[in-house]
Amino acid sequence: MQISELAQRSGVSAKTIRYYESIGLLPAPARGENNYRNYEISALERLRFIVGARSLGFALADIRALLLARDEGNAPCERVLHGL
């Protein structure tokens, strides 16, 4: 899906999505021949996680740590329970 669809489906602006990419919260998507970003459904799931964590008051640095733990296959639950 293109960034406009991702923005619509997630409720997050395209500008915010690009920002999250620039700080490493979202991996850079593949690009089509037209150089448009092409997102997988996993980007939507990850973005929904970020939005949910933000709504709970988590700072972006904390969200990054949680996502890193998850990406490494570690259960981030312990980290949340013990205050990162």
C-alpha atoms as a PDB file:
ATOM      1  CA  MET A   1       0.000   0.000   0.000  1.00  0.00           C
ATOM      2  CA  GLN A   2       1.155   3.546  -0.600  1.00  0.00           C
ATOM      3  CA  ILE A   3       1.724   6.080   2.158  1.00  0.00           C
ATOM      4  CA  SER A   4      -1.658   7.746   1.601  1.00  0.00           C
ATOM      5  CA  GLU A   5      -3.476   4.460   2.234  1.00  0.00           C
ATOM      6  CA  LEU A   6      -1.285   3.682   5.242  1.00  0.00           C
ATOM      7  CA  ALA A   7      -2.056   7.127   6.646  1.00  0.00           C
ATOM      8  CA  GLN A   8      -5.779   6.663   6.106  1.00  0.00           C
ATOM      9  CA  ARG A   9      -5.868   3.162   7.606  1.00  0.00           C
ATOM     10  CA  SER A  10      -3.755   4.089  10.625  1.00  0.00           C
ATOM     11  CA  GLY A  11      -5.102   7.560  11.336  1.00  0.00           C
ATOM     12  CA  VAL A  12      -1.566   8.952  11.267  1.00  0.00           C
ATOM     13  CA  SER A  13      -0.515  11.639   8.817  1.00  0.00           C
ATOM     14  CA  ALA A  14       1.907  10.870   5.994  1.00  0.00           C
ATOM     15  CA  LYS A  15       4.280  13.439   7.506  1.00  0.00           C
ATOM     16  CA  THR A  16       4.301  11.541  10.810  1.00  0.00           C
ATOM     17  CA  ILE A  17       4.882   8.252   9.009  1.00  0.00           C
ATOM     18  CA  ARG A  18       7.889   9.731   7.220  1.00  0.00           C
ATOM     19  CA  TYR A  19       9.137  11.088  10.566  1.00  0.00           C
ATOM     20  CA  TYR A  20       8.823   7.670  12.215  1.00  0.00           C
ATOM     21  CA  GLU A  21      10.833   6.232   9.317  1.00  0.00           C
ATOM     22  CA  SER A  22      13.509   8.908   9.692  1.00  0.00           C
ATOM     23  CA  ILE A  23      14.017   8.107  13.395  1.00  0.00           C
ATOM     24  CA  GLY A  24      13.959   4.344  12.843  1.00  0.00           C
ATOM     25  CA  LEU A  25      10.611   3.408  14.395  1.00  0.00           C
ATOM     26  CA  LEU A  26       9.344   2.203  11.024  1.00  0.00           C
ATOM     27  CA  PRO A  27      11.698   0.422   8.655  1.00  0.00           C
ATOM     28  CA  ALA A  28      12.163   2.017   5.270  1.00  0.00           C
ATOM     29  CA  PRO A  29       9.698   0.436   2.857  1.00  0.00           C
ATOM     30  CA  ALA A  30      10.459  -0.958  -0.546  1.00  0.00           C
ATOM     31  CA  ARG A  31       9.993   1.489  -3.384  1.00  0.00           C
ATOM     32  CA  GLY A  32       8.273   0.890  -6.674  1.00  0.00           C
ATOM     33  CA  GLU A  33       9.619   1.819 -10.086  1.00  0.00           C
ATOM     34  CA  ASN A  34       7.886   5.165  -9.647  1.00  0.00           C
ATOM     35  CA  ASN A  35       9.889   5.628  -6.391  1.00  0.00           C
ATOM     36  CA  TYR A  36       6.688   5.591  -4.309  1.00  0.00           C
ATOM     37  CA  ARG A  37       6.877   3.895  -0.935  1.00  0.00           C
ATOM     38  CA  ASN A  38       5.199   0.471  -0.910  1.00  0.00           C
ATOM     39  CA  TYR A  39       4.269  -0.650   2.595  1.00  0.00           C
ATOM     40  CA  GLU A  40       3.545  -4.173   3.738  1.00  0.00           C
ATOM     41  CA  ILE A  41       0.708  -4.925   6.170  1.00  0.00           C
ATOM     42  CA  SER A  42       3.378  -5.332   8.867  1.00  0.00           C
ATOM     43  CA  ALA A  43       4.024  -1.578   8.646  1.00  0.00           C
ATOM     44  CA  LEU A  44       0.372  -0.930   9.481  1.00  0.00           C
ATOM     45  CA  GLU A  45       0.553  -3.301  12.458  1.00  0.00           C
ATOM     46  CA  ARG A  46       3.758  -1.658  13.686  1.00  0.00           C
ATOM     47  CA  LEU A  47       2.291   1.803  13.247  1.00  0.00           C
ATOM     48  CA  ARG A  48      -0.812   0.803  15.205  1.00  0.00           C
ATOM     49  CA  PHE A  49       1.461  -0.405  18.003  1.00  0.00           C
ATOM     50  CA  ILE A  50       3.286   2.939  18.012  1.00  0.00           C
ATOM     51  CA  VAL A  51       0.017   4.885  18.077  1.00  0.00           C
ATOM     52  CA  GLY A  52      -1.310   2.726  20.915  1.00  0.00           C
ATOM     53  CA  ALA A  53       1.873   3.120  22.940  1.00  0.00           C
ATOM     54  CA  ARG A  54       1.846   6.881  22.392  1.00  0.00           C
ATOM     55  CA  SER A  55      -1.767   7.030  23.606  1.00  0.00           C
ATOM     56  CA  LEU A  56      -0.636   5.321  26.814  1.00  0.00           C
ATOM     57  CA  GLY A  57       2.019   7.981  27.352  1.00  0.00           C
ATOM     58  CA  PHE A  58       5.131   6.120  26.216  1.00  0.00           C
ATOM     59  CA  ALA A  59       7.938   8.304  24.896  1.00  0.00           C
ATOM     60  CA  LEU A  60       9.317   7.576  21.435  1.00  0.00           C
ATOM     61  CA  ALA A  61      12.604   6.382  22.954  1.00  0.00           C
ATOM     62  CA  ASP A  62      10.721   3.857  25.075  1.00  0.00           C
ATOM     63  CA  ILE A  63       8.699   2.702  22.079  1.00  0.00           C
ATOM     64  CA  ARG A  64      11.931   2.248  20.143  1.00  0.00           C
ATOM     65  CA  ALA A  65      13.294   0.055  22.955  1.00  0.00           C
ATOM     66  CA  LEU A  66      10.114  -2.043  22.994  1.00  0.00           C
ATOM     67  CA  LEU A  67      10.162  -2.480  19.223  1.00  0.00           C
ATOM     68  CA  LEU A  68      13.846  -3.397  19.282  1.00  0.00           C
ATOM     69  CA  ALA A  69      13.199  -6.048  21.927  1.00  0.00           C
ATOM     70  CA  ARG A  70      10.300  -7.403  19.892  1.00  0.00           C
ATOM     71  CA  ASP A  71      12.357  -7.402  16.678  1.00  0.00           C
ATOM     72  CA  GLU A  72      15.085  -9.353  18.470  1.00  0.00           C
ATOM     73  CA  GLY A  73      12.547 -11.955  19.563  1.00  0.00           C
ATOM     74  CA  ASN A  74      12.513 -10.900  23.214  1.00  0.00           C
ATOM     75  CA  ALA A  75       9.240 -10.479  25.043  1.00  0.00           C
ATOM     76  CA  PRO A  76       9.003  -6.781  25.846  1.00  0.00           C
ATOM     77  CA  CYS A  77       6.404  -7.461  28.564  1.00  0.00           C
ATOM     78  CA  GLU A  78       9.060  -7.782  31.272  1.00  0.00           C
ATOM     79  CA  ARG A  79      10.593  -4.482  30.242  1.00  0.00           C
ATOM     80  CA  VAL A  80       7.238  -2.716  30.433  1.00  0.00           C
ATOM     81  CA  LEU A  81       6.440  -4.189  33.822  1.00  0.00           C
ATOM     82  CA  HIS A  82       9.825  -3.157  35.220  1.00  0.00           C
ATOM     83  CA  GLY A  83       9.825   0.355  33.749  1.00  0.00           C
ATOM     84  CA  LEU A  84      12.128  -0.277  30.808  1.00  0.00           C
END
